[in-house]
Amino acid sequence: MFFRLLSVVRRQRPGQGWQNRSSGRSSASAAEAHSVALPAQAQVVICGGGIMGTSVAYHLSKMGWKDIVLLEQGRLAAGSTRFCAGILSTARHLTIEQKMADYSNKLYHQLEQETGIQTEPLLSSLLRRMPDLETLEILKLVNCPETFTPDMRCIMGESPSVRGYFVLAGMNSAGLSFGGGAGRYLAEWMVHGSPSENIWELDLKRFGALQSSRTFLRHRVMEVMPLLYDLKVPRWDFQTGRQLRTSPLYDRLDAQGARWMEKHGFERPKYFVPPDKDLLALEQSKTFYKPDWFEIVESEVKCCKEAVCVIDMSSFTKFEITSTGDQALEVLQYLFSNDLDVPVGHIVHTGMLNQGGGYENDCSVARLSKRSFFMISPTDQQVHCWAWLKKHMPEDSNLLLEDVTWKYTALNLIGPRAVDVLSELSYAPMTPDHFPSLFCKEMSVGYANGIRVMSMTHTGEPGFMLYIPIEYALHVYNEVMSVGQKYGIRNAGYYALRSLRIEKFFAFWGQDLNTLTTPLECGRESRVKLEKGMDFIGRDALLQQKQNGVYKRLTMFILDDHDTDLDLWPWWGEPIYRNGQYAGKTTSSAYSYTLERHVCLGFVHNFSEDTGEEQVVTADFINRGEYEIDIAGHRFQAKAKLYPVTSLFTHKRRKEDVELSDLHGK
């Protein structure tokens, strides 16, 4: 049963609380003899009286809400909750799921004390009272409906299209484990406007309309069921519901050996298998150790460093915001943390923050004209970002927001020879003097006009992003590959991109940044217009944080004593220890082919040894610590950096290593 929470109230404006509104609904209970008249209006109406619906009602009442109506078509807990086996496991793959299950476990014990009810699992209590039951045969199996989701994670949050309509559903047979925590977080969302934890991995806005196809759901759920109990290796992918959203270059890249992964339904190349490699072995390779694609990605990274590579990045979310007057600039200045009042043609890296100063989105915005802006966001931001913008933009007929993701194919030309390729194709000088960093210009590439060329690569390496109208995509790609042959061009995938961006200390939203991460906590003070006297969402929270200090800091770790060939690899989520004390966990990891070391990004906290409370984290606190990264119970020494490692440091490090090895040899 889907437990849908329908709040029939509306917010006046974000942060101004809730208003009552007449529901206009009428209903009756399943049993006419016990029918009761529904109130004409309520602060909240909850549809579904199972463990989720009752949990939300319980937590709303604890938070002070009294005008609550709970609707159930039969009797309370008569749906899938009735068939619960009493299994409550706190061992979960995701941190947020662990927190929900842990809270649920504590809540059930608390409820037992509050109400005197018995919450001991049914089977164990029966066996304790009637030991002979253990020898009985099971003569009857009971089947009951259960809800499953396309990615094995529950869905919760406010609808992106209907204000005040909240959803909590799809527990994937973990309703008892998640019931208390999920109900609490959704209640917080309704009362305070956001939950106390980052729940993006469960947010219903991670899905779009494309995942609502009945055929897609039928096939995916058949795959999901056995995977619930399967070992999840790093970088695994679903096999059903694939090739749903593809770039116009999909067939061309697939024929050249592209291996694919899926993000928000969009196929993206991981890497390209050379003709001499065993494709089947690579597809079946599953390991927590050094993967079989290591050398393939190494060659792609090397090409990005020394020649030029092409990565199809068409899946990125792309919006255009335009107005007839100055409305677009005025609205965006309030919605974004960085200053967008820049000359036409300039690109601004900026965040879209919430009231707490946390990242709702991390994006790049190019000013196409005085009244037009082009916004580039992560792939999985398509629904979330659209909903956030629509929620905060005024209903002005002179202001237009358009999703143009499908209109443009995006090619990332990375490497020192990218400038040569593009110069030859455009018959225009592309040197930094003529085309400076973070600049955008419409150009001709080959026979195609209207190509938006941007001097950035999302990796820190030199190169350009090309946003190409889809009808020109194949032509431009063929021209780039043809001209690029003399410069050593080749295709590359997202695994190479990941390695490059992590060694450059580039944080990505959804992995390193989330709704509870502020720019001051990840070294992005320069991307915030705090000193310009302009108001924007999150400004007050950042000013207060600047005065009080931050309680966590994004840090880069370079593993020292880790053997890439023999040791388990770090992937993400590994504990970080400072001077032997737990200090946080990694958010993303990759092998740096430049540093010849594993690099991890993660947040360092300063927990009091006496109370466990969080204390201010300073640069001096980071630099004075001795660090270890725990990989499956084995701790590896790591050097902590607050800034990316420069090429000078890299060359110096390699020289010192050679000299040290020579000394040991003597």
Foldseek 3Di string as FASTA:
>chain_A
DWWWWFFPWFDPAPPRFTDKDFPPDFDFEQDNVPTDGDDRTFRTEIEAQELQSVLLVVLLVVVPGDRYHYDYRYDHNPAVSVVQQLDQDLDDDDPLLNVLLVQLVVVVVVVCVVPVDDSHGPVVVCCVVPVVVVPDDDPDDDDHDFAAALVRAWEWDADLVDGRIITTGHNNSNCSSRSNSVSNQRSCCNGVVGGPDFPVVRYPLLADPLCVDPVQVVVSVVVVNVVVPDDDFPPDADDGLAPSAEAPCVVVQVVQAFDWHDGNRYTFGAFGDHPVDDPVCLNPWGDLAQHPCVVRLLVVLVCLAAFKEKGWPLLWWKKKKFFPDQLRQVQVLAQWFFHPPDDAFFKAFTFGAAQLQAGLFTWIWHRNDSGMIMITTGNSCNSSVVSVCVSRRDPDPRMDMDTCSVFWTKMWMGHPCQQVLQCVQFVDHDDCVVANARGWDWTGGHNDGRWIWHQDHLQPTGTIMTTHGSVCVVVNVVSSVVSRVVRPYYYTTVLSSQLRNLLQLHDHEPQAGGNNDHCVQEVNPVRGPLPVPDHYRNNVNVVVCVVFADFKHKKKKWFDPDDNRPDRDDAWFWFKDWPNHTFWTFRGKHQHSLLRTIMTIIMGGDADPVPRDTDHDDPVNLQPTWMWTADPNDTTTIHIDSGRDDPVNSVVVVVVVVVVVVVVVD
